[in-house]
Amino acid sequence: MEVLTCLPLLGLVIQGEVRLVAYRLRSLECWSYWQRNRGHNSVLMQLQKLYPIFNIGVNGLSSAFNLELKYRVIMLTREL
């Protein structure tokens, strides 16, 4: 059906999304390797095996906001 409608194969779309989410979770350090080659971990392990660039560590910096005012506004009034 996908070929007739010129859409990408649903299985490939789902597989791509799963890989993207697995890499995003790993990048955010929300991924744990409890059982290496089972379940969801097998997706990330397969991704690292197919594309060695994913074996490189992630250099993620956490955001920090400094909301301290560095200036002061003085409103001058002119009296007539």
N, C-alpha and C. Protein backbone atom coordinates (compact mmCIF):
# COMPACT_ATOMS: atom_id res chain seq x y z
N MET A 1 0.82 -1.20 0.00
CA MET A 1 0.00 0.00 0.00
C MET A 1 0.87 1.26 0.00
N GLU A 2 2.00 1.24 0.74
CA GLU A 2 2.86 2.41 0.79
C GLU A 2 3.44 2.73 -0.58
N VAL A 3 3.77 1.70 -1.36
CA VAL A 3 4.33 1.90 -2.69
C VAL A 3 3.31 2.57 -3.60
N LEU A 4 2.09 2.18 -3.51
CA LEU A 4 1.04 2.76 -4.35
C LEU A 4 0.80 4.23 -4.01
N THR A 5 0.92 4.58 -2.76
CA THR A 5 0.66 5.96 -2.34
C THR A 5 1.93 6.81 -2.27
N CYS A 6 3.08 6.22 -2.68
CA CYS A 6 4.38 6.92 -2.68
C CYS A 6 4.78 7.40 -1.29
N LEU A 7 4.44 6.65 -0.28
CA LEU A 7 4.84 6.94 1.09
C LEU A 7 5.99 6.03 1.47
N PRO A 8 6.84 6.46 2.42
CA PRO A 8 7.91 5.56 2.86
C PRO A 8 7.33 4.36 3.59
N LEU A 9 8.05 3.27 3.57
CA LEU A 9 7.58 2.06 4.24
C LEU A 9 7.41 2.31 5.73
N LEU A 10 6.28 1.92 6.25
CA LEU A 10 5.95 2.18 7.65
C LEU A 10 6.97 1.56 8.59
N GLY A 11 7.44 0.35 8.27
CA GLY A 11 8.43 -0.30 9.12
C GLY A 11 9.73 0.48 9.21
N LEU A 12 10.15 1.09 8.10
CA LEU A 12 11.38 1.88 8.11
C LEU A 12 11.20 3.19 8.87
N VAL A 13 10.03 3.78 8.76
CA VAL A 13 9.75 5.01 9.49
C VAL A 13 9.78 4.75 10.99
N ILE A 14 9.15 3.68 11.43
CA ILE A 14 9.12 3.33 12.85
C ILE A 14 10.52 3.02 13.35
N GLN A 15 11.28 2.27 12.58
CA GLN A 15 12.65 1.93 12.98
C GLN A 15 13.52 3.19 13.10
N GLY A 16 13.35 4.13 12.18
CA GLY A 16 14.10 5.38 12.26
C GLY A 16 13.73 6.20 13.49
N GLU A 17 12.45 6.25 13.81
CA GLU A 17 12.01 6.99 14.99
C GLU A 17 12.53 6.35 16.28
N VAL A 18 12.52 5.02 16.32
CA VAL A 18 13.02 4.31 17.51
C VAL A 18 14.50 4.60 17.70
N ARG A 19 15.26 4.59 16.62
CA ARG A 19 16.70 4.89 16.71
C ARG A 19 16.93 6.32 17.16
N LEU A 20 16.14 7.24 16.63
CA LEU A 20 16.28 8.64 17.00
C LEU A 20 16.00 8.86 18.48
N VAL A 21 14.95 8.25 18.98
CA VAL A 21 14.60 8.40 20.40
C VAL A 21 15.66 7.75 21.28
N ALA A 22 16.16 6.59 20.88
CA ALA A 22 17.20 5.91 21.67
C ALA A 22 18.45 6.77 21.75
N TYR A 23 18.85 7.37 20.64
CA TYR A 23 20.04 8.23 20.67
C TYR A 23 19.79 9.49 21.48
N ARG A 24 18.59 10.07 21.37
CA ARG A 24 18.28 11.27 22.15
C ARG A 24 18.31 10.97 23.65
N LEU A 25 17.75 9.83 24.06
CA LEU A 25 17.77 9.48 25.48
C LEU A 25 19.20 9.24 25.97
N ARG A 26 20.01 8.61 25.12
CA ARG A 26 21.42 8.39 25.50
C ARG A 26 22.14 9.73 25.62
N SER A 27 21.87 10.66 24.71
CA SER A 27 22.51 11.97 24.73
C SER A 27 22.15 12.75 25.98
N LEU A 28 20.94 12.59 26.45
CA LEU A 28 20.48 13.30 27.65
C LEU A 28 20.82 12.55 28.93
N GLU A 29 21.57 11.47 28.79
CA GLU A 29 21.97 10.61 29.92
C GLU A 29 20.76 10.07 30.67
N CYS A 30 19.71 9.75 29.94
CA CYS A 30 18.52 9.14 30.52
C CYS A 30 18.44 7.67 30.16
N TRP A 31 19.52 7.11 29.67
CA TRP A 31 19.57 5.73 29.20
C TRP A 31 20.45 4.93 30.14
N SER A 32 20.00 3.78 30.56
CA SER A 32 20.82 2.91 31.40
C SER A 32 20.97 1.56 30.72
N TYR A 33 22.17 1.00 30.83
CA TYR A 33 22.46 -0.30 30.22
C TYR A 33 22.27 -1.39 31.27
N TRP A 34 21.04 -1.65 31.64
CA TRP A 34 20.81 -2.66 32.66
C TRP A 34 21.07 -4.05 32.11
N GLN A 35 20.52 -4.38 30.98
CA GLN A 35 20.78 -5.64 30.29
C GLN A 35 21.22 -5.28 28.88
N ARG A 36 22.47 -5.54 28.54
CA ARG A 36 23.09 -5.05 27.31
C ARG A 36 22.34 -5.38 26.03
N ASN A 37 22.07 -6.62 25.76
CA ASN A 37 21.53 -7.01 24.45
C ASN A 37 20.07 -7.42 24.50
N ARG A 38 19.31 -6.88 25.40
CA ARG A 38 17.91 -7.24 25.52
C ARG A 38 17.03 -6.01 25.42
N GLY A 39 15.85 -6.23 24.91
CA GLY A 39 14.84 -5.18 24.87
C GLY A 39 15.29 -3.94 24.14
N HIS A 40 15.08 -2.80 24.78
CA HIS A 40 15.39 -1.52 24.16
C HIS A 40 16.89 -1.31 23.97
N ASN A 41 17.69 -1.91 24.81
CA ASN A 41 19.14 -1.76 24.67
C ASN A 41 19.65 -2.34 23.36
N SER A 42 18.98 -3.35 22.84
CA SER A 42 19.44 -3.94 21.58
C SER A 42 19.33 -2.93 20.43
N VAL A 43 18.38 -2.01 20.51
CA VAL A 43 18.24 -0.98 19.48
C VAL A 43 19.47 -0.09 19.46
N LEU A 44 19.88 0.38 20.62
CA LEU A 44 21.04 1.26 20.69
C LEU A 44 22.33 0.50 20.37
N MET A 45 22.43 -0.74 20.80
CA MET A 45 23.63 -1.52 20.50
C MET A 45 23.73 -1.76 18.99
N GLN A 46 22.62 -2.03 18.34
CA GLN A 46 22.62 -2.22 16.89
C GLN A 46 22.99 -0.92 16.17
N LEU A 47 22.49 0.18 16.67
CA LEU A 47 22.80 1.48 16.09
C LEU A 47 24.29 1.78 16.20
N GLN A 48 24.89 1.46 17.35
CA GLN A 48 26.32 1.69 17.54
C GLN A 48 27.15 0.75 16.68
N LYS A 49 26.66 -0.43 16.43
CA LYS A 49 27.39 -1.38 15.60
C LYS A 49 27.33 -0.98 14.13
N LEU A 50 26.18 -0.52 13.65
CA LEU A 50 26.03 -0.13 12.26
C LEU A 50 26.74 1.18 11.94
N TYR A 51 26.69 2.12 12.87
CA TYR A 51 27.27 3.45 12.66
C TYR A 51 28.22 3.76 13.82
N PRO A 52 29.53 3.53 13.63
CA PRO A 52 30.49 3.71 14.72
C PRO A 52 30.56 5.12 15.29
N ILE A 53 30.06 6.10 14.57
CA ILE A 53 30.10 7.46 15.09
C ILE A 53 29.27 7.61 16.36
N PHE A 54 28.28 6.73 16.54
CA PHE A 54 27.45 6.79 17.74
C PHE A 54 28.17 6.27 18.98
N ASN A 55 29.38 5.72 18.82
CA ASN A 55 30.16 5.27 19.97
C ASN A 55 30.91 6.40 20.64
N ILE A 56 30.95 7.55 19.98
CA ILE A 56 31.64 8.70 20.54
C ILE A 56 30.82 9.23 21.71
N GLY A 57 31.49 9.62 22.76
CA GLY A 57 30.80 10.18 23.92
C GLY A 57 30.08 11.47 23.58
N VAL A 58 29.13 11.80 24.37
CA VAL A 58 28.32 12.99 24.13
C VAL A 58 28.80 14.09 25.05
N ASN A 59 29.04 15.24 24.47
CA ASN A 59 29.45 16.39 25.26
C ASN A 59 28.25 17.30 25.43
N GLY A 60 27.46 17.00 26.42
CA GLY A 60 26.25 17.78 26.65
C GLY A 60 26.42 18.71 27.82
N LEU A 61 26.05 19.94 27.63
CA LEU A 61 26.11 20.92 28.69
C LEU A 61 24.70 21.22 29.17
N SER A 62 24.55 21.32 30.44
CA SER A 62 23.23 21.65 30.96
C SER A 62 23.06 23.17 30.95
N SER A 63 21.84 23.59 30.75
CA SER A 63 21.55 25.01 30.69
C SER A 63 21.49 25.60 32.08
N ALA A 64 22.02 26.79 32.20
CA ALA A 64 21.94 27.52 33.47
C ALA A 64 21.50 28.95 33.14
N PHE A 65 20.54 29.43 33.86
CA PHE A 65 20.02 30.76 33.62
C PHE A 65 20.38 31.66 34.79
N ASN A 66 20.97 32.80 34.49
CA ASN A 66 21.28 33.80 35.50
C ASN A 66 20.31 34.95 35.30
N LEU A 67 19.36 35.07 36.18
CA LEU A 67 18.33 36.09 36.05
C LEU A 67 18.60 37.32 36.90
N GLU A 68 19.83 37.46 37.37
CA GLU A 68 20.20 38.61 38.19
C GLU A 68 20.30 39.85 37.29
N LEU A 69 19.74 40.95 37.74
CA LEU A 69 19.78 42.17 36.95
C LEU A 69 21.18 42.76 36.98
N LYS A 70 21.70 43.08 35.83
CA LYS A 70 23.04 43.66 35.74
C LYS A 70 22.96 45.17 35.50
N TYR A 71 21.80 45.73 35.51
CA TYR A 71 21.62 47.14 35.21
C TYR A 71 20.52 47.71 36.08
N ARG A 72 20.45 49.04 36.11
CA ARG A 72 19.42 49.73 36.86
C ARG A 72 18.84 50.81 35.96
N VAL A 73 17.54 50.94 35.93
CA VAL A 73 16.87 51.93 35.09
C VAL A 73 16.47 53.11 35.96
N ILE A 74 16.86 54.27 35.51
CA ILE A 74 16.49 55.50 36.21
C ILE A 74 15.60 56.31 35.27
N MET A 75 14.40 56.57 35.72
CA MET A 75 13.45 57.35 34.92
C MET A 75 13.50 58.80 35.41
N LEU A 76 13.99 59.68 34.57
CA LEU A 76 14.07 61.08 34.91
C LEU A 76 12.76 61.77 34.55
N THR A 77 12.38 62.73 35.38
CA THR A 77 11.17 63.50 35.09
C THR A 77 11.57 64.94 34.86
N ARG A 78 10.87 65.58 34.01
CA ARG A 78 11.14 66.98 33.73
C ARG A 78 9.96 67.81 34.20
N GLU A 79 10.25 68.66 35.13
CA GLU A 79 9.19 69.53 35.67
C GLU A 79 9.21 70.85 34.95
N LEU A 80 8.05 71.33 34.59
CA LEU A 80 7.95 72.64 33.91
C LEU A 80 7.68 73.75 34.84
